[in-house]
C-alpha atoms as a PDB file:
ATOM      1  CA  MET A   1     123.121  45.483 103.849  1.00  0.00           C
ATOM      2  CA  THR A   2     125.848  42.982 103.147  1.00  0.00           C
ATOM      3  CA  ASN A   3     125.710  40.516 100.273  1.00  0.00           C
ATOM      4  CA  GLN A   4     125.059  37.647 102.744  1.00  0.00           C
ATOM      5  CA  GLU A   5     122.048  39.722 104.321  1.00  0.00           C
ATOM      6  CA  PHE A   6     120.689  40.187 100.802  1.00  0.00           C
ATOM      7  CA  LEU A   7     121.023  36.473  99.859  1.00  0.00           C
ATOM      8  CA  ASP A   8     119.352  35.594 103.167  1.00  0.00           C
ATOM      9  CA  PHE A   9     116.489  38.087 102.405  1.00  0.00           C
ATOM     10  CA  ILE A  10     115.754  36.584  99.048  1.00  0.00           C
ATOM     11  CA  LYS A  11     116.325  32.877 100.233  1.00  0.00           C
ATOM     12  CA  ASN A  12     112.635  32.449  99.301  1.00  0.00           C
ATOM     13  CA  PRO A  13     111.050  34.206  96.400  1.00  0.00           C
ATOM     14  CA  VAL A  14     109.887  37.807  96.995  1.00  0.00           C
ATOM     15  CA  ALA A  15     107.994  40.316  94.930  1.00  0.00           C
ATOM     16  CA  ALA A  16     109.718  43.547  93.828  1.00  0.00           C
ATOM     17  CA  ASP A  17     107.744  46.530  92.751  1.00  0.00           C
ATOM     18  CA  GLY A  18     106.428  47.475  89.405  1.00  0.00           C
ATOM     19  CA  ALA A  19     106.924  50.378  87.050  1.00  0.00           C
ATOM     20  CA  TRP A  20     107.557  53.850  88.397  1.00  0.00           C
ATOM     21  CA  GLY A  21     107.235  55.667  84.986  1.00  0.00           C
ATOM     22  CA  THR A  22     103.737  54.447  84.522  1.00  0.00           C
ATOM     23  CA  GLU A  23     102.791  55.559  88.102  1.00  0.00           C
ATOM     24  CA  LEU A  24     104.455  58.949  87.696  1.00  0.00           C
ATOM     25  CA  LEU A  25     102.441  59.641  84.546  1.00  0.00           C
ATOM     26  CA  LYS A  26      99.269  58.841  86.403  1.00  0.00           C
ATOM     27  CA  ALA A  27     100.376  61.131  89.129  1.00  0.00           C
ATOM     28  CA  GLY A  28     100.744  64.063  86.693  1.00  0.00           C
ATOM     29  CA  LEU A  29     104.329  63.987  85.426  1.00  0.00           C
ATOM     30  CA  ASP A  30     104.265  65.452  81.880  1.00  0.00           C
ATOM     31  CA  GLN A  31     105.613  63.142  79.026  1.00  0.00           C
ATOM     32  CA  GLY A  32     109.275  64.030  78.483  1.00  0.00           C
ATOM     33  CA  ASP A  33     109.896  65.653  81.954  1.00  0.00           C
ATOM     34  CA  ALA A  34     112.693  64.313  84.174  1.00  0.00           C
ATOM     35  CA  PRO A  35     111.107  62.065  86.763  1.00  0.00           C
ATOM     36  CA  GLU A  36     114.059  62.432  89.014  1.00  0.00           C
ATOM     37  CA  VAL A  37     113.334  66.116  89.561  1.00  0.00           C
ATOM     38  CA  TRP A  38     110.175  65.225  91.543  1.00  0.00           C
ATOM     39  CA  ASN A  39     112.352  63.875  94.296  1.00  0.00           C
ATOM     40  CA  LEU A  40     113.106  67.511  94.962  1.00  0.00           C
ATOM     41  CA  GLU A  41     109.788  69.127  93.784  1.00  0.00           C
ATOM     42  CA  ASN A  42     107.030  66.491  94.562  1.00  0.00           C
ATOM     43  CA  PRO A  43     108.439  64.318  97.204  1.00  0.00           C
ATOM     44  CA  GLY A  44     104.977  63.331  98.712  1.00  0.00           C
ATOM     45  CA  LYS A  45     103.991  61.836  95.244  1.00  0.00           C
ATOM     46  CA  ILE A  46     107.152  59.920  95.160  1.00  0.00           C
ATOM     47  CA  GLN A  47     106.585  58.466  98.592  1.00  0.00           C
ATOM     48  CA  GLU A  48     102.975  57.656  97.833  1.00  0.00           C
ATOM     49  CA  ILE A  49     104.119  55.478  94.747  1.00  0.00           C
ATOM     50  CA  ALA A  50     106.574  53.635  96.943  1.00  0.00           C
ATOM     51  CA  ALA A  51     104.021  53.158  99.788  1.00  0.00           C
ATOM     52  CA  SER A  52     101.393  52.006  97.213  1.00  0.00           C
ATOM     53  CA  TYR A  53     103.833  49.210  96.145  1.00  0.00           C
ATOM     54  CA  ALA A  54     104.612  48.348  99.801  1.00  0.00           C
ATOM     55  CA  ARG A  55     100.876  47.970 100.453  1.00  0.00           C
ATOM     56  CA  ALA A  56     100.622  45.767  97.423  1.00  0.00           C
ATOM     57  CA  GLY A  57     103.253  43.404  99.046  1.00  0.00           C
ATOM     58  CA  SER A  58     106.512  44.491  97.433  1.00  0.00           C
ATOM     59  CA  ARG A  59     109.509  43.408  99.534  1.00  0.00           C
ATOM     60  CA  ILE A  60     111.968  45.318  97.443  1.00  0.00           C
ATOM     61  CA  ILE A  61     111.028  48.807  96.272  1.00  0.00           C
ATOM     62  CA  LEU A  62     113.178  50.896  93.828  1.00  0.00           C
ATOM     63  CA  THR A  63     114.170  54.508  94.110  1.00  0.00           C
ATOM     64  CA  ASN A  64     113.137  57.194  91.576  1.00  0.00           C
ATOM     65  CA  THR A  65     116.493  57.537  90.212  1.00  0.00           C
ATOM     66  CA  PHE A  66     116.721  55.600  87.151  1.00  0.00           C
ATOM     67  CA  GLY A  67     118.174  58.456  85.010  1.00  0.00           C
ATOM     68  CA  ALA A  68     119.921  60.410  87.750  1.00  0.00           C
ATOM     69  CA  ASN A  69     123.515  59.726  86.816  1.00  0.00           C
ATOM     70  CA  SER A  70     125.555  62.876  86.195  1.00  0.00           C
ATOM     71  CA  LEU A  71     125.885  62.267  82.336  1.00  0.00           C
ATOM     72  CA  LYS A  72     122.108  62.043  82.045  1.00  0.00           C
ATOM     73  CA  LEU A  73     121.307  65.030  84.209  1.00  0.00           C
ATOM     74  CA  GLN A  74     123.937  67.049  82.291  1.00  0.00           C
ATOM     75  CA  HIS A  75     121.335  67.180  79.413  1.00  0.00           C
ATOM     76  CA  ARG A  76     119.107  69.141  81.570  1.00  0.00           C
ATOM     77  CA  GLY A  77     121.765  71.222  83.190  1.00  0.00           C
ATOM     78  CA  MET A  78     121.364  69.464  86.646  1.00  0.00           C
ATOM     79  CA  GLU A  79     124.509  67.551  87.020  1.00  0.00           C
ATOM     80  CA  GLU A  80     125.422  69.590  90.110  1.00  0.00           C
ATOM     81  CA  LYS A  81     122.271  68.295  91.907  1.00  0.00           C
ATOM     82  CA  MET A  82     123.134  64.676  91.246  1.00  0.00           C
ATOM     83  CA  ALA A  83     124.156  63.754  94.899  1.00  0.00           C
ATOM     84  CA  LEU A  84     121.139  65.582  96.227  1.00  0.00           C
ATOM     85  CA  ILE A  85     118.632  63.919  93.828  1.00  0.00           C
ATOM     86  CA  ASN A  86     119.880  60.529  94.615  1.00  0.00           C
ATOM     87  CA  ARG A  87     120.211  60.942  98.306  1.00  0.00           C
ATOM     88  CA  GLU A  88     116.577  62.204  98.259  1.00  0.00           C
ATOM     89  CA  GLY A  89     115.380  59.485  96.138  1.00  0.00           C
ATOM     90  CA  ALA A  90     116.838  56.831  98.312  1.00  0.00           C
ATOM     91  CA  ARG A  91     115.301  58.603 101.577  1.00  0.00           C
ATOM     92  CA  LEU A  92     111.847  58.897 100.149  1.00  0.00           C
ATOM     93  CA  THR A  93     111.615  55.308  99.166  1.00  0.00           C
ATOM     94  CA  ARG A  94     113.137  54.160 102.542  1.00  0.00           C
ATOM     95  CA  GLU A  95     110.813  56.256 104.643  1.00  0.00           C
ATOM     96  CA  ALA A  96     107.572  55.823 102.610  1.00  0.00           C
ATOM     97  CA  GLY A  97     106.109  53.076 104.831  1.00  0.00           C
ATOM     98  CA  GLY A  98     103.215  50.981 103.978  1.00  0.00           C
ATOM     99  CA  GLY A  99     104.991  47.661 104.623  1.00  0.00           C
ATOM    100  CA  SER A 100     108.201  45.896 105.282  1.00  0.00           C
ATOM    101  CA  TYR A 101     110.735  46.155 102.337  1.00  0.00           C
ATOM    102  CA  ILE A 102     114.384  46.956 101.453  1.00  0.00           C
ATOM    103  CA  THR A 103     115.301  49.882  99.210  1.00  0.00           C
ATOM    104  CA  ALA A 104     117.026  49.335  96.035  1.00  0.00           C
ATOM    105  CA  GLY A 105     119.073  52.331  94.607  1.00  0.00           C
ATOM    106  CA  ASP A 106     117.953  52.279  90.872  1.00  0.00           C
ATOM    107  CA  MET A 107     120.357  53.213  88.173  1.00  0.00           C
ATOM    108  CA  GLY A 108     120.014  53.150  84.439  1.00  0.00           C
ATOM    109  CA  PRO A 109     122.353  53.718  81.401  1.00  0.00           C
ATOM    110  CA  THR A 110     124.198  56.826  80.859  1.00  0.00           C
ATOM    111  CA  GLY A 111     122.906  56.984  77.214  1.00  0.00           C
ATOM    112  CA  ARG A 112     126.355  57.314  75.796  1.00  0.00           C
ATOM    113  CA  MET A 113     128.176  54.701  73.808  1.00  0.00           C
ATOM    114  CA  VAL A 114     131.673  53.507  75.153  1.00  0.00           C
ATOM    115  CA  PHE A 115     132.435  51.709  71.733  1.00  0.00           C
ATOM    116  CA  MET A 116     131.823  55.070  69.946  1.00  0.00           C
ATOM    117  CA  ASP A 117     134.197  56.836  72.378  1.00  0.00           C
ATOM    118  CA  GLU A 118     131.389  59.009  73.554  1.00  0.00           C
ATOM    119  CA  VAL A 119     132.454  58.214  77.034  1.00  0.00           C
ATOM    120  CA  SER A 120     135.330  56.019  78.447  1.00  0.00           C
ATOM    121  CA  GLU A 121     134.976  52.984  80.624  1.00  0.00           C
ATOM    122  CA  GLU A 122     136.872  54.752  83.354  1.00  0.00           C
ATOM    123  CA  GLU A 123     134.432  57.689  83.349  1.00  0.00           C
ATOM    124  CA  VAL A 124     131.401  55.286  83.418  1.00  0.00           C
ATOM    125  CA  GLU A 125     132.954  53.542  86.462  1.00  0.00           C
ATOM    126  CA  GLU A 126     133.431  56.887  88.208  1.00  0.00           C
ATOM    127  CA  VAL A 127     129.847  58.187  87.193  1.00  0.00           C
ATOM    128  CA  PHE A 128     128.175  55.075  88.731  1.00  0.00           C
ATOM    129  CA  PHE A 129     130.405  55.132  91.869  1.00  0.00           C
ATOM    130  CA  SER A 130     129.419  58.626  92.515  1.00  0.00           C
ATOM    131  CA  GLN A 131     125.716  57.968  91.955  1.00  0.00           C
ATOM    132  CA  SER A 132     125.965  54.676  94.031  1.00  0.00           C
ATOM    133  CA  GLU A 133     127.519  56.556  96.938  1.00  0.00           C
ATOM    134  CA  ALA A 134     124.830  59.147  97.002  1.00  0.00           C
ATOM    135  CA  LEU A 135     122.101  56.321  97.015  1.00  0.00           C
ATOM    136  CA  LYS A 136     123.960  54.550  99.808  1.00  0.00           C
ATOM    137  CA  GLU A 137     124.104  57.960 101.785  1.00  0.00           C
ATOM    138  CA  GLY A 138     120.445  58.347 101.301  1.00  0.00           C
ATOM    139  CA  GLY A 139     119.729  54.831 102.757  1.00  0.00           C
ATOM    140  CA  ALA A 140     119.629  52.372  99.884  1.00  0.00           C
ATOM    141  CA  ASP A 141     120.105  48.838 101.036  1.00  0.00           C
ATOM    142  CA  ILE A 142     121.172  47.318  97.722  1.00  0.00           C
ATOM    143  CA  LEU A 143     122.008  48.905  94.315  1.00  0.00           C
ATOM    144  CA  LEU A 144     120.204  47.936  90.930  1.00  0.00           C
ATOM    145  CA  LEU A 145     121.814  48.457  87.527  1.00  0.00           C
ATOM    146  CA  GLU A 146     118.943  47.813  85.256  1.00  0.00           C
ATOM    147  CA  THR A 147     117.830  48.138  81.430  1.00  0.00           C
ATOM    148  CA  PHE A 148     121.320  47.984  80.250  1.00  0.00           C
ATOM    149  CA  THR A 149     122.073  46.632  76.712  1.00  0.00           C
ATOM    150  CA  ASP A 150     125.870  47.219  76.347  1.00  0.00           C
ATOM    151  CA  LEU A 151     127.906  44.671  78.430  1.00  0.00           C
ATOM    152  CA  ILE A 152     130.898  47.041  78.296  1.00  0.00           C
ATOM    153  CA  GLU A 153     128.949  49.851  79.890  1.00  0.00           C
ATOM    154  CA  LEU A 154     127.333  47.547  82.370  1.00  0.00           C
ATOM    155  CA  THR A 155     130.624  46.086  83.452  1.00  0.00           C
ATOM    156  CA  ALA A 156     132.146  49.440  84.087  1.00  0.00           C
ATOM    157  CA  ALA A 157     129.001  50.519  85.994  1.00  0.00           C
ATOM    158  CA  LEU A 158     129.199  47.399  88.049  1.00  0.00           C
ATOM    159  CA  LYS A 159     132.877  48.160  88.963  1.00  0.00           C
ATOM    160  CA  GLY A 160     131.895  51.542  90.170  1.00  0.00           C
ATOM    161  CA  ALA A 161     128.835  50.504  92.222  1.00  0.00           C
ATOM    162  CA  TYR A 162     130.581  47.423  93.763  1.00  0.00           C
ATOM    163  CA  ARG A 163     133.067  49.809  95.322  1.00  0.00           C
ATOM    164  CA  THR A 164     130.370  51.039  97.850  1.00  0.00           C
ATOM    165  CA  GLY A 165     130.232  47.672  99.371  1.00  0.00           C
ATOM    166  CA  LEU A 166     126.550  47.317  98.798  1.00  0.00           C
ATOM    167  CA  PRO A 167     125.054  44.292  96.923  1.00  0.00           C
ATOM    168  CA  VAL A 168     124.593  45.088  93.319  1.00  0.00           C
ATOM    169  CA  VAL A 169     121.975  43.495  91.072  1.00  0.00           C
ATOM    170  CA  CYS A 170     122.532  43.650  87.364  1.00  0.00           C
ATOM    171  CA  THR A 171     119.680  43.148  84.718  1.00  0.00           C
ATOM    172  CA  LEU A 172     119.789  43.712  81.035  1.00  0.00           C
ATOM    173  CA  THR A 173     116.999  44.174  78.436  1.00  0.00           C
ATOM    174  CA  TYR A 174     116.750  41.227  75.979  1.00  0.00           C
ATOM    175  CA  ASP A 175     114.655  40.710  72.872  1.00  0.00           C
ATOM    176  CA  LEU A 176     113.626  37.395  71.325  1.00  0.00           C
ATOM    177  CA  MET A 177     115.586  36.968  67.917  1.00  0.00           C
ATOM    178  CA  PRO A 178     114.184  35.109  64.824  1.00  0.00           C
ATOM    179  CA  ASP A 179     116.443  32.149  65.660  1.00  0.00           C
ATOM    180  CA  GLY A 180     114.967  31.718  69.146  1.00  0.00           C
ATOM    181  CA  SER A 181     118.047  33.246  71.043  1.00  0.00           C
ATOM    182  CA  PHE A 182     117.752  36.219  73.334  1.00  0.00           C
ATOM    183  CA  ARG A 183     120.012  39.254  72.797  1.00  0.00           C
ATOM    184  CA  THR A 184     120.241  42.716  73.748  1.00  0.00           C
ATOM    185  CA  VAL A 185     120.213  45.373  70.930  1.00  0.00           C
ATOM    186  CA  MET A 186     123.871  45.416  71.226  1.00  0.00           C
ATOM    187  CA  GLY A 187     124.082  41.721  70.444  1.00  0.00           C
ATOM    188  CA  HIS A 188     124.976  40.334  74.008  1.00  0.00           C
ATOM    189  CA  ALA A 189     123.397  36.972  74.876  1.00  0.00           C
ATOM    190  CA  PRO A 190     123.059  35.650  78.325  1.00  0.00           C
ATOM    191  CA  GLU A 191     125.715  33.063  77.764  1.00  0.00           C
ATOM    192  CA  GLU A 192     128.133  35.985  77.213  1.00  0.00           C
ATOM    193  CA  VAL A 193     126.759  38.349  79.929  1.00  0.00           C
ATOM    194  CA  ILE A 194     126.427  36.052  83.027  1.00  0.00           C
ATOM    195  CA  PRO A 195     130.101  34.833  83.443  1.00  0.00           C
ATOM    196  CA  VAL A 196     131.321  38.609  83.132  1.00  0.00           C
ATOM    197  CA  LEU A 197     128.824  39.809  85.732  1.00  0.00           C
ATOM    198  CA  GLU A 198     129.684  36.874  88.126  1.00  0.00           C
ATOM    199  CA  GLU A 199     133.346  37.557  87.639  1.00  0.00           C
ATOM    200  CA  HIS A 200     132.938  41.274  88.646  1.00  0.00           C
ATOM    201  CA  GLY A 201     130.884  40.653  91.893  1.00  0.00           C
ATOM    202  CA  ALA A 202     127.209  40.971  90.929  1.00  0.00           C
ATOM    203  CA  ALA A 203     124.978  39.792  93.753  1.00  0.00           C
ATOM    204  CA  ALA A 204     122.209  38.750  91.508  1.00  0.00           C
ATOM    205  CA  VAL A 205     121.591  38.818  87.739  1.00  0.00           C
ATOM    206  CA  GLY A 206     118.453  38.943  85.508  1.00  0.00           C
ATOM    207  CA  ALA A 207     116.557  40.795  83.043  1.00  0.00           C
ATOM    208  CA  ASN A 208     114.131  43.570  82.833  1.00  0.00           C
ATOM    209  CA  CYS A 209     111.767  45.524  80.392  1.00  0.00           C
ATOM    210  CA  GLY A 210     112.042  44.380  76.714  1.00  0.00           C
ATOM    211  CA  ALA A 211     109.696  41.578  75.843  1.00  0.00           C
ATOM    212  CA  GLY A 212     106.540  40.850  78.001  1.00  0.00           C
ATOM    213  CA  ILE A 213     106.473  38.339  80.607  1.00  0.00           C
ATOM    214  CA  ASP A 214     105.254  35.494  78.566  1.00  0.00           C
ATOM    215  CA  GLN A 215     108.612  35.679  76.486  1.00  0.00           C
ATOM    216  CA  TYR A 216     110.606  36.245  79.596  1.00  0.00           C
ATOM    217  CA  VAL A 217     109.747  32.948  81.037  1.00  0.00           C
ATOM    218  CA  GLU A 218     111.954  31.085  78.538  1.00  0.00           C
ATOM    219  CA  LEU A 219     114.590  33.689  79.061  1.00  0.00           C
ATOM    220  CA  ALA A 220     114.512  33.277  82.825  1.00  0.00           C
ATOM    221  CA  SER A 221     115.027  29.633  82.510  1.00  0.00           C
ATOM    222  CA  ARG A 222     118.139  30.038  80.397  1.00  0.00           C
ATOM    223  CA  ILE A 223     119.463  32.615  82.903  1.00  0.00           C
ATOM    224  CA  CYS A 224     118.913  30.217  85.809  1.00  0.00           C
ATOM    225  CA  SER A 225     120.612  27.446  84.055  1.00  0.00           C
ATOM    226  CA  LEU A 226     123.732  29.543  83.264  1.00  0.00           C
ATOM    227  CA  SER A 227     124.158  31.404  86.646  1.00  0.00           C
ATOM    228  CA  ARG A 228     125.026  30.256  90.221  1.00  0.00           C
ATOM    229  CA  LEU A 229     123.537  33.730  91.423  1.00  0.00           C
ATOM    230  CA  PRO A 230     119.933  34.535  92.433  1.00  0.00           C
ATOM    231  CA  VAL A 231     117.924  35.520  89.293  1.00  0.00           C
ATOM    232  CA  TRP A 232     115.774  38.791  89.206  1.00  0.00           C
ATOM    233  CA  ILE A 233     113.058  39.277  86.617  1.00  0.00           C
ATOM    234  CA  LYS A 234     110.960  42.445  86.033  1.00  0.00           C
ATOM    235  CA  ALA A 235     109.153  42.176  82.644  1.00  0.00           C
ATOM    236  CA  ASN A 236     106.755  44.429  80.782  1.00  0.00           C
ATOM    237  CA  ALA A 237     102.969  43.950  80.760  1.00  0.00           C
ATOM    238  CA  GLY A 238     103.015  42.572  77.171  1.00  0.00           C
ATOM    239  CA  LEU A 239     104.295  44.251  74.086  1.00  0.00           C
ATOM    240  CA  PRO A 240     103.432  47.977  73.758  1.00  0.00           C
ATOM    241  CA  VAL A 241     100.571  49.013  71.350  1.00  0.00           C
ATOM    242  CA  LEU A 242      99.492  52.524  70.250  1.00  0.00           C
ATOM    243  CA  LYS A 243      95.949  53.561  71.513  1.00  0.00           C
ATOM    244  CA  ASN A 244      94.590  57.025  71.122  1.00  0.00           C
ATOM    245  CA  ASN A 245      98.148  58.248  70.160  1.00  0.00           C
ATOM    246  CA  LYS A 246      99.493  56.845  73.484  1.00  0.00           C
ATOM    247  CA  VAL A 247     101.662  53.885  74.096  1.00  0.00           C
ATOM    248  CA  VAL A 248      99.989  51.417  76.325  1.00  0.00           C
ATOM    249  CA  TYR A 249     100.873  47.930  77.628  1.00  0.00           C
ATOM    250  CA  PRO A 250      97.804  45.757  77.326  1.00  0.00           C
ATOM    251  CA  MET A 251      98.621  42.837  79.773  1.00  0.00           C
ATOM    252  CA  GLY A 252      96.259  43.033  82.760  1.00  0.00           C
ATOM    253  CA  ALA A 253      97.245  42.002  86.310  1.00  0.00           C
ATOM    254  CA  ASP A 254      95.679  38.585  86.167  1.00  0.00           C
ATOM    255  CA  GLU A 255      97.288  37.539  82.938  1.00  0.00           C
ATOM    256  CA  TYR A 256     100.582  38.899  84.089  1.00  0.00           C
ATOM    257  CA  ALA A 257     100.334  36.765  87.334  1.00  0.00           C
ATOM    258  CA  SER A 258      99.474  33.546  85.394  1.00  0.00           C
ATOM    259  CA  HIS A 259     103.088  33.450  84.159  1.00  0.00           C
ATOM    260  CA  VAL A 260     104.688  33.904  87.638  1.00  0.00           C
ATOM    261  CA  LYS A 261     104.435  30.169  88.637  1.00  0.00           C
ATOM    262  CA  ALA A 262     106.531  29.329  85.689  1.00  0.00           C
ATOM    263  CA  LEU A 263     109.214  31.793  86.512  1.00  0.00           C
ATOM    264  CA  LEU A 264     109.288  30.436  90.204  1.00  0.00           C
ATOM    265  CA  LYS A 265     109.655  26.967  88.878  1.00  0.00           C
ATOM    266  CA  ALA A 266     112.591  27.887  86.613  1.00  0.00           C
ATOM    267  CA  GLY A 267     114.369  29.275  89.789  1.00  0.00           C
ATOM    268  CA  VAL A 268     113.618  32.946  89.781  1.00  0.00           C
ATOM    269  CA  VAL A 269     113.693  34.405  93.252  1.00  0.00           C
ATOM    270  CA  VAL A 270     112.734  38.083  92.657  1.00  0.00           C
ATOM    271  CA  VAL A 271     109.794  38.853  90.442  1.00  0.00           C
ATOM    272  CA  GLY A 272     108.394  42.278  89.774  1.00  0.00           C
ATOM    273  CA  GLY A 273     107.166  44.330  86.904  1.00  0.00           C
ATOM    274  CA  CYS A 274     108.411  46.926  84.381  1.00  0.00           C
ATOM    275  CA  CYS A 275     106.714  49.143  81.985  1.00  0.00           C
ATOM    276  CA  GLY A 276     102.806  49.091  82.306  1.00  0.00           C
ATOM    277  CA  THR A 277     102.736  47.300  85.646  1.00  0.00           C
ATOM    278  CA  GLY A 278     101.321  48.774  88.759  1.00  0.00           C
ATOM    279  CA  PRO A 279     100.390  47.851  92.221  1.00  0.00           C
ATOM    280  CA  GLU A 280      97.676  45.498  90.919  1.00  0.00           C
ATOM    281  CA  HIS A 281     100.294  43.503  89.149  1.00  0.00           C
ATOM    282  CA  ILE A 282     102.384  43.330  92.217  1.00  0.00           C
ATOM    283  CA  ARG A 283      99.332  42.043  94.276  1.00  0.00           C
ATOM    284  CA  GLY A 284      98.856  39.144  91.662  1.00  0.00           C
ATOM    285  CA  ILE A 285     102.565  38.323  91.822  1.00  0.00           C
ATOM    286  CA  VAL A 286     102.343  38.205  95.652  1.00  0.00           C
ATOM    287  CA  GLY A 287      99.365  35.907  95.406  1.00  0.00           C
ATOM    288  CA  GLU A 288     101.316  33.490  93.198  1.00  0.00           C
ATOM    289  CA  ILE A 289     104.314  33.453  95.396  1.00  0.00           C
ATOM    290  CA  GLU A 290     102.222  32.690  98.406  1.00  0.00           C
ATOM    291  CA  LYS A 291     100.586  29.779  96.594  1.00  0.00           C
ATOM    292  CA  TYR A 292     103.957  28.519  95.451  1.00  0.00           C
ATOM    293  CA  ARG A 293     105.279  28.378  99.000  1.00  0.00           C
ATOM    294  CA  ILE A 294     102.378  26.239 100.324  1.00  0.00           C
END
């Protein structure tokens, strides 16, 4: 898929998918296990999650490859399977069926700090180029760099992903500060982030995870005002709470959907969900998008 084809695809607002981690835990993944391994060991369950989002109306569905870069996999002694895990992740989502959608090759941070010299910018670029190439080979239509907090790492990752020729979406995780500003835990504000991502060829920008969707409405409005690019928002289902020694996200599908109209009015064109959201949340998003179009 070219950049222009992607822009044409999201010319009108569309729903992305919801959380993968939440659905994987429901499907039997043990807390602490690497979800990406299921691309090889439980492919049927991976395809069922993707298909459940397709049936809910998602037009963009992610791959189960968030932590499948070679540096992350190195911790589990699986870096030699990086390409295979990513190719299979892309193939499984692409072939899941259940509806009409495009496949987004999902990539998260390395977990290493550039500013602490744990990894160089050049190494980060090559790590994400390799992961991106494997996702492209598996059939990904676009690439997604999400949940980043360090602009230096994200910029290097974008450089690597951009080399594949596929459209690259970049989203960071922001928190609401006491002074009313939004910043990542590394101190980056949208005002600093957006120009850098535009300069380096991002196809779309936005935010994911972090605060709940109610707080992300204001953030989305700021991002839309700052960027000439399409804006992508995948927020959590509220702020996490501890219940019976488990972290849960309390916001139900109806309450989550009640904020979608405000996102669309702000100019957001891709709305999905992050932690705590599932197919029922996506159905609510789809309903709000359909009403907004009328």
